[in-house]
Amino acid sequence: MNKANLDKYYWETTYKQNKTVWDIGNVSNPIKNYIDHLKNKKIDILIPGAGNAYEAEYFFNNGFENVIVLDVVEQPLINFKERITEFPEKHLVHQDFFEHINTYNLIIEHIFFCALHPSQRKNYVDKMYNLLKPKGRLVGLLFDFELTEEGPPFGGSFDEYIHLFSEKFKIKTLEKCYNSIKPRFGRELFFIFEKK
């Protein structure tokens, strides 16, 4: 699939037709474990391409105060607000990731990177760098399977991610997930990248 086809209309149609096969229905285990070790509940957090945003729900239910949920499609934001009625409306942002302007201590990556066309990966890295405060962290999951033109999801490899991110980020962690859900076991890498 080419980049032009992966536009806002494509994702809106995907939600309308309920073809959200990537949606696991809860916070992913590796990200949940990371959140459980965070002490400061006041840090600024962004979850881009958040979909139904189970990570944001978990953050919110555990007392984190400054979580921004961002998606180019409005429907998952509506779904989220219906599920978590107390979540601040102003923290639900209907916008293209590449147009978003703010800075954060932490950005959570879960199934957003792999949904973008591979031609956008360098732009993704640059944008993440700009959205993070000094020493800010990009944390989450990347798929570990062969990159082809078939997708989304689009794959990638350990070596590709090192090459792509290491100019602007310190690679703190990049390793096979031991606690992936069964359908993704052996195909996910957990990572912690810190802004240089």
N, C-alpha and C. Protein backbone atom coordinates (compact mmCIF):
# COMPACT_ATOMS: atom_id res chain seq x y z
N MET A 1 0.85 -1.19 0.00
CA MET A 1 0.00 0.00 0.00
C MET A 1 0.89 1.24 0.00
N ASN A 2 0.54 2.22 -0.83
CA ASN A 2 1.39 3.42 -0.88
C ASN A 2 0.95 4.45 0.16
N LYS A 3 1.83 5.41 0.35
CA LYS A 3 1.62 6.43 1.39
C LYS A 3 0.31 7.19 1.19
N ALA A 4 -0.01 7.52 -0.06
CA ALA A 4 -1.21 8.31 -0.34
C ALA A 4 -2.48 7.61 0.11
N ASN A 5 -2.48 6.28 0.08
CA ASN A 5 -3.68 5.53 0.47
C ASN A 5 -3.86 5.46 1.99
N LEU A 6 -2.79 5.72 2.73
CA LEU A 6 -2.86 5.64 4.20
C LEU A 6 -3.17 7.01 4.79
N ASP A 7 -4.27 7.57 4.34
CA ASP A 7 -4.64 8.91 4.78
C ASP A 7 -5.73 8.84 5.85
N LYS A 8 -6.18 10.00 6.24
CA LYS A 8 -7.22 10.10 7.27
C LYS A 8 -8.47 9.31 6.86
N TYR A 9 -8.83 9.40 5.58
CA TYR A 9 -10.02 8.69 5.09
C TYR A 9 -9.86 7.18 5.28
N TYR A 10 -8.67 6.66 4.98
CA TYR A 10 -8.41 5.22 5.15
C TYR A 10 -8.67 4.79 6.59
N TRP A 11 -8.13 5.56 7.55
CA TRP A 11 -8.28 5.18 8.95
C TRP A 11 -9.71 5.38 9.45
N GLU A 12 -10.38 6.43 8.98
CA GLU A 12 -11.79 6.62 9.34
C GLU A 12 -12.64 5.45 8.85
N THR A 13 -12.39 5.03 7.64
CA THR A 13 -13.13 3.90 7.06
C THR A 13 -12.85 2.62 7.83
N THR A 14 -11.61 2.43 8.23
CA THR A 14 -11.23 1.24 9.00
C THR A 14 -12.03 1.17 10.29
N TYR A 15 -12.17 2.30 10.98
CA TYR A 15 -12.94 2.31 12.23
C TYR A 15 -14.43 2.11 11.96
N LYS A 16 -14.95 2.76 10.93
CA LYS A 16 -16.38 2.62 10.60
C LYS A 16 -16.74 1.18 10.28
N GLN A 17 -15.83 0.49 9.60
CA GLN A 17 -16.08 -0.91 9.21
C GLN A 17 -15.64 -1.90 10.28
N ASN A 18 -15.19 -1.36 11.41
CA ASN A 18 -14.78 -2.19 12.55
C ASN A 18 -13.70 -3.20 12.16
N LYS A 19 -12.73 -2.74 11.37
CA LYS A 19 -11.62 -3.60 10.94
C LYS A 19 -10.36 -3.32 11.75
N THR A 20 -10.54 -3.13 13.02
CA THR A 20 -9.43 -2.77 13.91
C THR A 20 -8.82 -4.03 14.53
N VAL A 21 -8.24 -4.87 13.68
CA VAL A 21 -7.73 -6.16 14.14
C VAL A 21 -6.54 -6.00 15.08
N TRP A 22 -5.88 -4.85 15.05
CA TRP A 22 -4.73 -4.60 15.93
C TRP A 22 -5.14 -4.30 17.37
N ASP A 23 -6.43 -3.99 17.57
CA ASP A 23 -6.93 -3.57 18.87
C ASP A 23 -7.01 -4.78 19.80
N ILE A 24 -6.16 -4.82 20.84
CA ILE A 24 -6.13 -5.99 21.73
C ILE A 24 -7.09 -5.86 22.91
N GLY A 25 -7.77 -4.71 23.04
CA GLY A 25 -8.82 -4.57 24.03
C GLY A 25 -8.37 -4.19 25.43
N ASN A 26 -7.06 -4.03 25.62
CA ASN A 26 -6.54 -3.61 26.92
C ASN A 26 -5.11 -3.10 26.74
N VAL A 27 -4.54 -2.61 27.83
CA VAL A 27 -3.16 -2.13 27.78
C VAL A 27 -2.23 -3.32 27.52
N SER A 28 -1.23 -3.11 26.66
CA SER A 28 -0.30 -4.21 26.36
C SER A 28 0.59 -4.48 27.58
N ASN A 29 0.95 -5.73 27.79
CA ASN A 29 1.72 -6.12 28.97
C ASN A 29 3.05 -5.38 29.12
N PRO A 30 3.88 -5.28 28.06
CA PRO A 30 5.17 -4.61 28.24
C PRO A 30 5.01 -3.14 28.62
N ILE A 31 4.04 -2.46 28.04
CA ILE A 31 3.82 -1.05 28.37
C ILE A 31 3.25 -0.91 29.77
N LYS A 32 2.34 -1.80 30.14
CA LYS A 32 1.79 -1.80 31.49
C LYS A 32 2.91 -1.93 32.53
N ASN A 33 3.83 -2.86 32.29
CA ASN A 33 4.94 -3.06 33.22
C ASN A 33 5.80 -1.81 33.33
N TYR A 34 6.01 -1.14 32.22
CA TYR A 34 6.79 0.10 32.26
C TYR A 34 6.06 1.17 33.09
N ILE A 35 4.77 1.33 32.82
CA ILE A 35 3.97 2.33 33.56
C ILE A 35 4.00 2.05 35.05
N ASP A 36 3.94 0.77 35.42
CA ASP A 36 3.91 0.39 36.84
C ASP A 36 5.17 0.83 37.59
N HIS A 37 6.25 1.09 36.87
CA HIS A 37 7.50 1.50 37.52
C HIS A 37 7.70 3.02 37.53
N LEU A 38 6.78 3.77 36.95
CA LEU A 38 6.90 5.23 36.95
C LEU A 38 6.40 5.79 38.27
N LYS A 39 7.17 6.68 38.84
CA LYS A 39 6.82 7.25 40.15
C LYS A 39 6.14 8.62 40.05
N ASN A 40 6.61 9.45 39.11
CA ASN A 40 6.12 10.82 39.01
C ASN A 40 4.82 10.87 38.20
N LYS A 41 3.72 11.14 38.86
CA LYS A 41 2.40 11.12 38.20
C LYS A 41 2.09 12.45 37.50
N LYS A 42 3.00 13.41 37.59
CA LYS A 42 2.74 14.73 37.01
C LYS A 42 3.47 14.97 35.68
N ILE A 43 4.23 13.98 35.21
CA ILE A 43 4.95 14.17 33.96
C ILE A 43 3.98 14.34 32.79
N ASP A 44 4.45 15.04 31.76
CA ASP A 44 3.66 15.26 30.55
C ASP A 44 3.84 14.08 29.62
N ILE A 45 2.73 13.45 29.24
CA ILE A 45 2.75 12.21 28.46
C ILE A 45 1.90 12.39 27.20
N LEU A 46 2.43 11.91 26.07
CA LEU A 46 1.68 11.89 24.81
C LEU A 46 1.54 10.46 24.34
N ILE A 47 0.34 10.13 23.86
CA ILE A 47 0.11 8.84 23.20
C ILE A 47 -0.42 9.14 21.80
N PRO A 48 0.46 9.14 20.79
CA PRO A 48 0.04 9.48 19.42
C PRO A 48 -0.51 8.27 18.68
N GLY A 49 -1.42 8.53 17.74
CA GLY A 49 -2.04 7.43 17.01
C GLY A 49 -2.63 6.44 17.98
N ALA A 50 -3.29 6.98 19.00
CA ALA A 50 -3.65 6.21 20.19
C ALA A 50 -4.77 5.20 19.98
N GLY A 51 -5.56 5.37 18.92
CA GLY A 51 -6.68 4.45 18.75
C GLY A 51 -7.61 4.51 19.94
N ASN A 52 -8.02 3.37 20.43
CA ASN A 52 -8.92 3.32 21.59
C ASN A 52 -8.21 3.57 22.92
N ALA A 53 -6.90 3.73 22.87
CA ALA A 53 -6.10 4.32 23.96
C ALA A 53 -6.22 3.61 25.31
N TYR A 54 -6.02 2.30 25.30
CA TYR A 54 -6.07 1.56 26.56
C TYR A 54 -4.90 1.94 27.47
N GLU A 55 -3.77 2.35 26.86
CA GLU A 55 -2.64 2.82 27.66
C GLU A 55 -3.02 4.09 28.42
N ALA A 56 -3.71 5.00 27.74
CA ALA A 56 -4.16 6.25 28.39
C ALA A 56 -5.13 5.94 29.52
N GLU A 57 -6.00 4.99 29.31
CA GLU A 57 -6.94 4.58 30.36
C GLU A 57 -6.19 4.06 31.58
N TYR A 58 -5.17 3.26 31.33
CA TYR A 58 -4.39 2.70 32.44
C TYR A 58 -3.64 3.81 33.19
N PHE A 59 -3.03 4.72 32.44
CA PHE A 59 -2.38 5.88 33.07
C PHE A 59 -3.37 6.63 33.95
N PHE A 60 -4.52 6.95 33.39
CA PHE A 60 -5.53 7.75 34.09
C PHE A 60 -6.02 7.05 35.35
N ASN A 61 -6.29 5.75 35.24
CA ASN A 61 -6.78 4.99 36.39
C ASN A 61 -5.72 4.84 37.49
N ASN A 62 -4.46 5.11 37.12
CA ASN A 62 -3.37 5.02 38.09
C ASN A 62 -2.85 6.38 38.52
N GLY A 63 -3.67 7.42 38.30
CA GLY A 63 -3.40 8.72 38.88
C GLY A 63 -2.50 9.66 38.10
N PHE A 64 -2.15 9.31 36.86
CA PHE A 64 -1.35 10.23 36.05
C PHE A 64 -2.24 11.37 35.56
N GLU A 65 -1.75 12.59 35.69
CA GLU A 65 -2.60 13.77 35.51
C GLU A 65 -2.49 14.44 34.15
N ASN A 66 -1.40 14.22 33.44
CA ASN A 66 -1.14 15.00 32.22
C ASN A 66 -0.91 14.10 31.01
N VAL A 67 -1.94 13.36 30.64
CA VAL A 67 -1.86 12.44 29.51
C VAL A 67 -2.66 13.01 28.34
N ILE A 68 -1.98 13.16 27.21
CA ILE A 68 -2.64 13.64 25.99
C ILE A 68 -2.83 12.46 25.04
N VAL A 69 -4.05 12.28 24.59
CA VAL A 69 -4.41 11.22 23.64
C VAL A 69 -4.61 11.89 22.27
N LEU A 70 -3.84 11.46 21.29
CA LEU A 70 -3.83 12.10 19.97
C LEU A 70 -4.18 11.09 18.89
N ASP A 71 -5.12 11.44 18.03
CA ASP A 71 -5.41 10.59 16.88
C ASP A 71 -5.97 11.43 15.74
N VAL A 72 -5.66 11.02 14.52
CA VAL A 72 -6.15 11.72 13.34
C VAL A 72 -7.61 11.39 13.07
N VAL A 73 -8.10 10.31 13.68
CA VAL A 73 -9.49 9.87 13.51
C VAL A 73 -10.27 10.20 14.78
N GLU A 74 -11.45 10.74 14.62
CA GLU A 74 -12.24 11.16 15.77
C GLU A 74 -12.93 9.99 16.49
N GLN A 75 -13.32 8.96 15.76
CA GLN A 75 -14.11 7.87 16.35
C GLN A 75 -13.45 7.22 17.57
N PRO A 76 -12.17 6.85 17.52
CA PRO A 76 -11.59 6.25 18.73
C PRO A 76 -11.54 7.21 19.91
N LEU A 77 -11.44 8.50 19.65
CA LEU A 77 -11.48 9.48 20.75
C LEU A 77 -12.88 9.52 21.37
N ILE A 78 -13.90 9.40 20.54
CA ILE A 78 -15.28 9.32 21.03
C ILE A 78 -15.46 8.04 21.85
N ASN A 79 -14.95 6.93 21.32
CA ASN A 79 -15.02 5.65 22.05
C ASN A 79 -14.38 5.77 23.42
N PHE A 80 -13.22 6.41 23.45
CA PHE A 80 -12.48 6.56 24.70
C PHE A 80 -13.28 7.40 25.70
N LYS A 81 -13.82 8.50 25.24
CA LYS A 81 -14.58 9.40 26.13
C LYS A 81 -15.83 8.71 26.68
N GLU A 82 -16.44 7.86 25.88
CA GLU A 82 -17.60 7.10 26.35
C GLU A 82 -17.21 6.08 27.43
N ARG A 83 -16.00 5.52 27.30
CA ARG A 83 -15.50 4.56 28.28
C ARG A 83 -15.02 5.24 29.56
N ILE A 84 -14.30 6.33 29.40
CA ILE A 84 -13.68 7.02 30.54
C ILE A 84 -14.26 8.43 30.60
N THR A 85 -15.46 8.56 31.13
CA THR A 85 -16.19 9.83 31.09
C THR A 85 -15.50 10.93 31.87
N GLU A 86 -14.69 10.57 32.89
CA GLU A 86 -14.04 11.59 33.72
C GLU A 86 -12.77 12.14 33.08
N PHE A 87 -12.31 11.53 32.01
CA PHE A 87 -11.06 11.97 31.38
C PHE A 87 -11.24 13.38 30.82
N PRO A 88 -10.27 14.29 31.06
CA PRO A 88 -10.43 15.68 30.60
C PRO A 88 -10.58 15.78 29.08
N GLU A 89 -11.65 16.43 28.66
CA GLU A 89 -11.94 16.59 27.23
C GLU A 89 -10.79 17.25 26.49
N LYS A 90 -10.15 18.23 27.13
CA LYS A 90 -9.07 18.97 26.46
C LYS A 90 -7.82 18.11 26.25
N HIS A 91 -7.77 16.94 26.88
CA HIS A 91 -6.63 16.04 26.70
C HIS A 91 -6.87 15.03 25.57
N LEU A 92 -8.02 15.13 24.91
CA LEU A 92 -8.32 14.32 23.74
C LEU A 92 -8.14 15.20 22.51
N VAL A 93 -7.12 14.92 21.72
CA VAL A 93 -6.74 15.81 20.62
C VAL A 93 -6.95 15.11 19.28
N HIS A 94 -7.86 15.69 18.48
CA HIS A 94 -8.15 15.17 17.15
C HIS A 94 -7.28 15.95 16.16
N GLN A 95 -6.14 15.34 15.78
CA GLN A 95 -5.16 16.07 14.98
C GLN A 95 -4.18 15.09 14.34
N ASP A 96 -3.61 15.50 13.23
CA ASP A 96 -2.53 14.77 12.59
C ASP A 96 -1.28 14.88 13.47
N PHE A 97 -0.66 13.77 13.75
CA PHE A 97 0.55 13.73 14.58
C PHE A 97 1.62 14.72 14.09
N PHE A 98 1.81 14.78 12.79
CA PHE A 98 2.88 15.61 12.24
C PHE A 98 2.58 17.11 12.35
N GLU A 99 1.36 17.45 12.72
CA GLU A 99 1.00 18.86 12.91
C GLU A 99 0.95 19.24 14.40
N HIS A 100 1.12 18.28 15.25
CA HIS A 100 1.01 18.52 16.70
C HIS A 100 2.22 19.29 17.21
N ILE A 101 1.94 20.29 18.06
CA ILE A 101 3.01 21.11 18.64
C ILE A 101 2.85 21.13 20.17
N ASN A 102 3.84 20.62 20.85
CA ASN A 102 3.93 20.67 22.30
C ASN A 102 5.21 19.94 22.68
N THR A 103 5.52 19.83 23.95
CA THR A 103 6.66 19.01 24.37
C THR A 103 6.28 18.16 25.56
N TYR A 104 6.91 16.99 25.65
CA TYR A 104 6.53 15.97 26.64
C TYR A 104 7.76 15.34 27.27
N ASN A 105 7.55 14.82 28.48
CA ASN A 105 8.59 14.04 29.15
C ASN A 105 8.63 12.61 28.61
N LEU A 106 7.44 12.11 28.20
CA LEU A 106 7.31 10.72 27.79
C LEU A 106 6.31 10.61 26.65
N ILE A 107 6.70 9.84 25.63
CA ILE A 107 5.77 9.51 24.55
C ILE A 107 5.69 7.98 24.47
N ILE A 108 4.47 7.48 24.43
CA ILE A 108 4.23 6.04 24.35
C ILE A 108 3.92 5.65 22.91
N GLU A 109 4.65 4.67 22.43
CA GLU A 109 4.48 4.14 21.07
C GLU A 109 3.86 2.75 21.14
N HIS A 110 2.67 2.63 20.55
CA HIS A 110 2.04 1.31 20.46
C HIS A 110 1.21 1.23 19.18
N ILE A 111 1.74 0.57 18.20
CA ILE A 111 1.07 0.30 16.93
C ILE A 111 0.84 1.58 16.11
N PHE A 112 1.55 2.63 16.39
CA PHE A 112 1.46 3.84 15.56
C PHE A 112 2.55 3.84 14.49
N PHE A 113 3.78 3.60 14.91
CA PHE A 113 4.91 3.57 13.99
C PHE A 113 4.66 2.61 12.83
N CYS A 114 4.17 1.42 13.15
CA CYS A 114 3.97 0.38 12.12
C CYS A 114 2.79 0.67 11.21
N ALA A 115 1.94 1.63 11.61
CA ALA A 115 0.79 2.00 10.78
C ALA A 115 1.15 3.06 9.74
N LEU A 116 2.26 3.74 9.96
CA LEU A 116 2.71 4.74 9.01
C LEU A 116 3.44 4.06 7.86
N HIS A 117 3.32 4.64 6.68
CA HIS A 117 4.07 4.10 5.54
C HIS A 117 5.56 4.23 5.83
N PRO A 118 6.37 3.23 5.48
CA PRO A 118 7.80 3.28 5.77
C PRO A 118 8.51 4.54 5.26
N SER A 119 7.97 5.16 4.24
CA SER A 119 8.58 6.39 3.72
C SER A 119 8.50 7.54 4.73
N GLN A 120 7.67 7.39 5.75
CA GLN A 120 7.50 8.44 6.76
C GLN A 120 8.35 8.21 8.02
N ARG A 121 9.14 7.18 8.04
CA ARG A 121 9.85 6.82 9.27
C ARG A 121 10.86 7.87 9.70
N LYS A 122 11.60 8.42 8.78
CA LYS A 122 12.56 9.48 9.15
C LYS A 122 11.81 10.69 9.71
N ASN A 123 10.69 11.05 9.08
CA ASN A 123 9.88 12.17 9.58
C ASN A 123 9.35 11.88 10.99
N TYR A 124 8.98 10.62 11.22
CA TYR A 124 8.51 10.19 12.54
C TYR A 124 9.60 10.44 13.59
N VAL A 125 10.82 10.00 13.30
CA VAL A 125 11.93 10.17 14.24
C VAL A 125 12.16 11.65 14.53
N ASP A 126 12.19 12.46 13.48
CA ASP A 126 12.41 13.90 13.64
C ASP A 126 11.31 14.53 14.49
N LYS A 127 10.07 14.14 14.22
CA LYS A 127 8.94 14.71 14.95
C LYS A 127 8.97 14.29 16.42
N MET A 128 9.26 13.02 16.68
CA MET A 128 9.36 12.56 18.06
C MET A 128 10.44 13.32 18.81
N TYR A 129 11.56 13.53 18.15
CA TYR A 129 12.66 14.28 18.77
C TYR A 129 12.18 15.68 19.15
N ASN A 130 11.46 16.33 18.26
CA ASN A 130 10.98 17.70 18.51
C ASN A 130 9.90 17.77 19.58
N LEU A 131 9.14 16.69 19.74
CA LEU A 131 8.05 16.67 20.72
C LEU A 131 8.53 16.36 22.14
N LEU A 132 9.75 15.88 22.25
CA LEU A 132 10.26 15.50 23.58
C LEU A 132 11.07 16.62 24.21
N LYS A 133 10.90 16.76 25.52
CA LYS A 133 11.72 17.67 26.29
C LYS A 133 13.13 17.09 26.40
N PRO A 134 14.13 17.89 26.81
CA PRO A 134 15.46 17.35 27.01
C PRO A 134 15.43 16.12 27.92
N LYS A 135 16.11 15.06 27.50
CA LYS A 135 16.15 13.77 28.22
C LYS A 135 14.80 13.06 28.21
N GLY A 136 13.86 13.57 27.43
CA GLY A 136 12.56 12.91 27.32
C GLY A 136 12.70 11.53 26.70
N ARG A 137 11.72 10.68 26.95
CA ARG A 137 11.80 9.29 26.48
C ARG A 137 10.64 8.90 25.57
N LEU A 138 11.01 8.16 24.54
CA LEU A 138 10.06 7.49 23.65
C LEU A 138 10.12 6.02 24.03
N VAL A 139 8.97 5.47 24.43
CA VAL A 139 8.93 4.12 25.00
C VAL A 139 7.77 3.34 24.39
N GLY A 140 8.01 2.08 24.11
CA GLY A 140 6.90 1.26 23.64
C GLY A 140 7.33 0.01 22.90
N LEU A 141 6.58 -0.28 21.84
CA LEU A 141 6.75 -1.53 21.10
C LEU A 141 6.94 -1.26 19.62
N LEU A 142 7.84 -2.03 19.02
CA LEU A 142 8.05 -2.02 17.58
C LEU A 142 7.95 -3.45 17.09
N PHE A 143 7.39 -3.63 15.91
CA PHE A 143 7.28 -4.98 15.37
C PHE A 143 8.63 -5.47 14.87
N ASP A 144 8.86 -6.75 15.02
CA ASP A 144 10.09 -7.40 14.60
C ASP A 144 9.75 -8.49 13.59
N PHE A 145 9.48 -8.06 12.37
CA PHE A 145 9.30 -9.00 11.26
C PHE A 145 9.64 -8.26 9.98
N GLU A 146 9.87 -9.01 8.92
CA GLU A 146 10.41 -8.46 7.69
C GLU A 146 9.57 -7.29 7.16
N LEU A 147 10.27 -6.23 6.80
CA LEU A 147 9.61 -5.07 6.21
C LEU A 147 9.33 -5.36 4.74
N THR A 148 8.05 -5.28 4.37
CA THR A 148 7.65 -5.44 2.97
C THR A 148 6.71 -4.29 2.63
N GLU A 149 6.26 -4.26 1.40
CA GLU A 149 5.29 -3.24 1.00
C GLU A 149 3.89 -3.57 1.47
N GLU A 150 3.71 -4.77 2.00
CA GLU A 150 2.39 -5.16 2.49
C GLU A 150 2.19 -4.61 3.90
N GLY A 151 1.10 -3.95 4.09
CA GLY A 151 0.80 -3.38 5.41
C GLY A 151 -0.27 -2.32 5.23
N PRO A 152 -0.68 -1.70 6.29
CA PRO A 152 -0.20 -1.87 7.65
C PRO A 152 -0.72 -3.17 8.29
N PRO A 153 -0.02 -3.67 9.30
CA PRO A 153 1.19 -3.11 9.89
C PRO A 153 2.42 -3.38 9.02
N PHE A 154 3.34 -2.44 9.04
CA PHE A 154 4.62 -2.59 8.37
C PHE A 154 5.65 -3.05 9.39
N GLY A 155 6.48 -3.97 8.99
CA GLY A 155 7.46 -4.54 9.90
C GLY A 155 8.75 -3.73 9.96
N GLY A 156 9.75 -4.37 10.52
CA GLY A 156 11.06 -3.76 10.66
C GLY A 156 11.94 -4.68 11.48
N SER A 157 13.20 -4.27 11.66
CA SER A 157 14.15 -5.14 12.35
C SER A 157 14.97 -4.36 13.37
N PHE A 158 15.60 -5.09 14.25
CA PHE A 158 16.48 -4.53 15.26
C PHE A 158 17.50 -3.59 14.62
N ASP A 159 18.20 -4.07 13.60
CA ASP A 159 19.25 -3.27 12.95
C ASP A 159 18.68 -2.01 12.31
N GLU A 160 17.52 -2.14 11.69
CA GLU A 160 16.90 -0.96 11.07
C GLU A 160 16.57 0.09 12.12
N TYR A 161 16.03 -0.34 13.25
CA TYR A 161 15.64 0.62 14.29
C TYR A 161 16.87 1.30 14.90
N ILE A 162 17.94 0.55 15.11
CA ILE A 162 19.18 1.15 15.61
C ILE A 162 19.65 2.24 14.64
N HIS A 163 19.69 1.90 13.38
CA HIS A 163 20.14 2.85 12.36
C HIS A 163 19.24 4.08 12.30
N LEU A 164 17.94 3.85 12.40
CA LEU A 164 16.96 4.92 12.26
C LEU A 164 16.96 5.89 13.44
N PHE A 165 17.06 5.37 14.64
CA PHE A 165 16.88 6.20 15.83
C PHE A 165 18.18 6.69 16.48
N SER A 166 19.30 6.03 16.25
CA SER A 166 20.48 6.29 17.07
C SER A 166 21.11 7.66 16.87
N GLU A 167 20.84 8.33 15.78
CA GLU A 167 21.40 9.66 15.59
C GLU A 167 20.83 10.66 16.60
N LYS A 168 19.55 10.53 16.91
CA LYS A 168 18.89 11.51 17.77
C LYS A 168 18.51 10.98 19.15
N PHE A 169 18.64 9.67 19.34
CA PHE A 169 18.23 9.06 20.60
C PHE A 169 19.31 8.13 21.15
N LYS A 170 19.43 8.10 22.47
CA LYS A 170 20.23 7.08 23.13
C LYS A 170 19.37 5.82 23.21
N ILE A 171 19.90 4.72 22.74
CA ILE A 171 19.17 3.45 22.79
C ILE A 171 19.38 2.85 24.17
N LYS A 172 18.43 3.09 25.07
CA LYS A 172 18.55 2.59 26.44
C LYS A 172 18.19 1.10 26.51
N THR A 173 17.15 0.74 25.78
CA THR A 173 16.67 -0.65 25.74
C THR A 173 16.09 -0.92 24.36
N LEU A 174 16.41 -2.05 23.79
CA LEU A 174 15.76 -2.54 22.57
C LEU A 174 15.92 -4.05 22.60
N GLU A 175 14.84 -4.74 22.97
CA GLU A 175 14.96 -6.18 23.20
C GLU A 175 13.64 -6.89 22.90
N LYS A 176 13.78 -8.19 22.62
CA LYS A 176 12.59 -9.01 22.38
C LYS A 176 11.69 -8.98 23.61
N CYS A 177 10.40 -8.88 23.39
CA CYS A 177 9.44 -8.90 24.50
C CYS A 177 9.29 -10.33 25.00
N TYR A 178 9.33 -10.47 26.30
CA TYR A 178 9.10 -11.78 26.92
C TYR A 178 7.64 -11.94 27.32
N ASN A 179 6.88 -10.83 27.30
CA ASN A 179 5.51 -10.87 27.82
C ASN A 179 4.48 -10.33 26.81
N SER A 180 4.74 -10.56 25.53
CA SER A 180 3.78 -10.19 24.49
C SER A 180 2.53 -11.06 24.61
N ILE A 181 1.43 -10.56 24.05
CA ILE A 181 0.26 -11.41 23.94
C ILE A 181 0.57 -12.52 22.93
N LYS A 182 -0.14 -13.61 23.03
CA LYS A 182 0.18 -14.81 22.24
C LYS A 182 0.27 -14.55 20.73
N PRO A 183 -0.68 -13.82 20.11
CA PRO A 183 -0.59 -13.63 18.66
C PRO A 183 0.65 -12.84 18.21
N ARG A 184 1.25 -12.10 19.13
CA ARG A 184 2.42 -11.28 18.78
C ARG A 184 3.72 -11.81 19.36
N PHE A 185 3.65 -12.94 20.04
CA PHE A 185 4.85 -13.44 20.72
C PHE A 185 5.96 -13.71 19.71
N GLY A 186 7.17 -13.22 20.02
CA GLY A 186 8.31 -13.38 19.12
C GLY A 186 8.37 -12.37 18.01
N ARG A 187 7.39 -11.46 17.97
CA ARG A 187 7.33 -10.48 16.88
C ARG A 187 7.33 -9.03 17.38
N GLU A 188 7.63 -8.84 18.66
CA GLU A 188 7.64 -7.50 19.23
C GLU A 188 8.97 -7.22 19.93
N LEU A 189 9.41 -5.97 19.80
CA LEU A 189 10.57 -5.48 20.54
C LEU A 189 10.10 -4.38 21.49
N PHE A 190 10.52 -4.47 22.74
CA PHE A 190 10.25 -3.40 23.69
C PHE A 190 11.44 -2.46 23.65
N PHE A 191 11.16 -1.15 23.68
CA PHE A 191 12.27 -0.20 23.60
C PHE A 191 12.08 0.99 24.55
N ILE A 192 13.20 1.55 24.94
CA ILE A 192 13.27 2.83 25.64
C ILE A 192 14.35 3.65 24.94
N PHE A 193 13.95 4.73 24.29
CA PHE A 193 14.88 5.62 23.60
C PHE A 193 14.84 6.98 24.30
N GLU A 194 15.99 7.51 24.62
CA GLU A 194 16.06 8.80 25.30
C GLU A 194 16.62 9.86 24.37
N LYS A 195 15.95 11.01 24.35
CA LYS A 195 16.39 12.11 23.49
C LYS A 195 17.80 12.53 23.85
N LYS A 196 18.67 12.65 22.84
CA LYS A 196 20.05 13.12 23.06
C LYS A 196 20.07 14.62 23.29
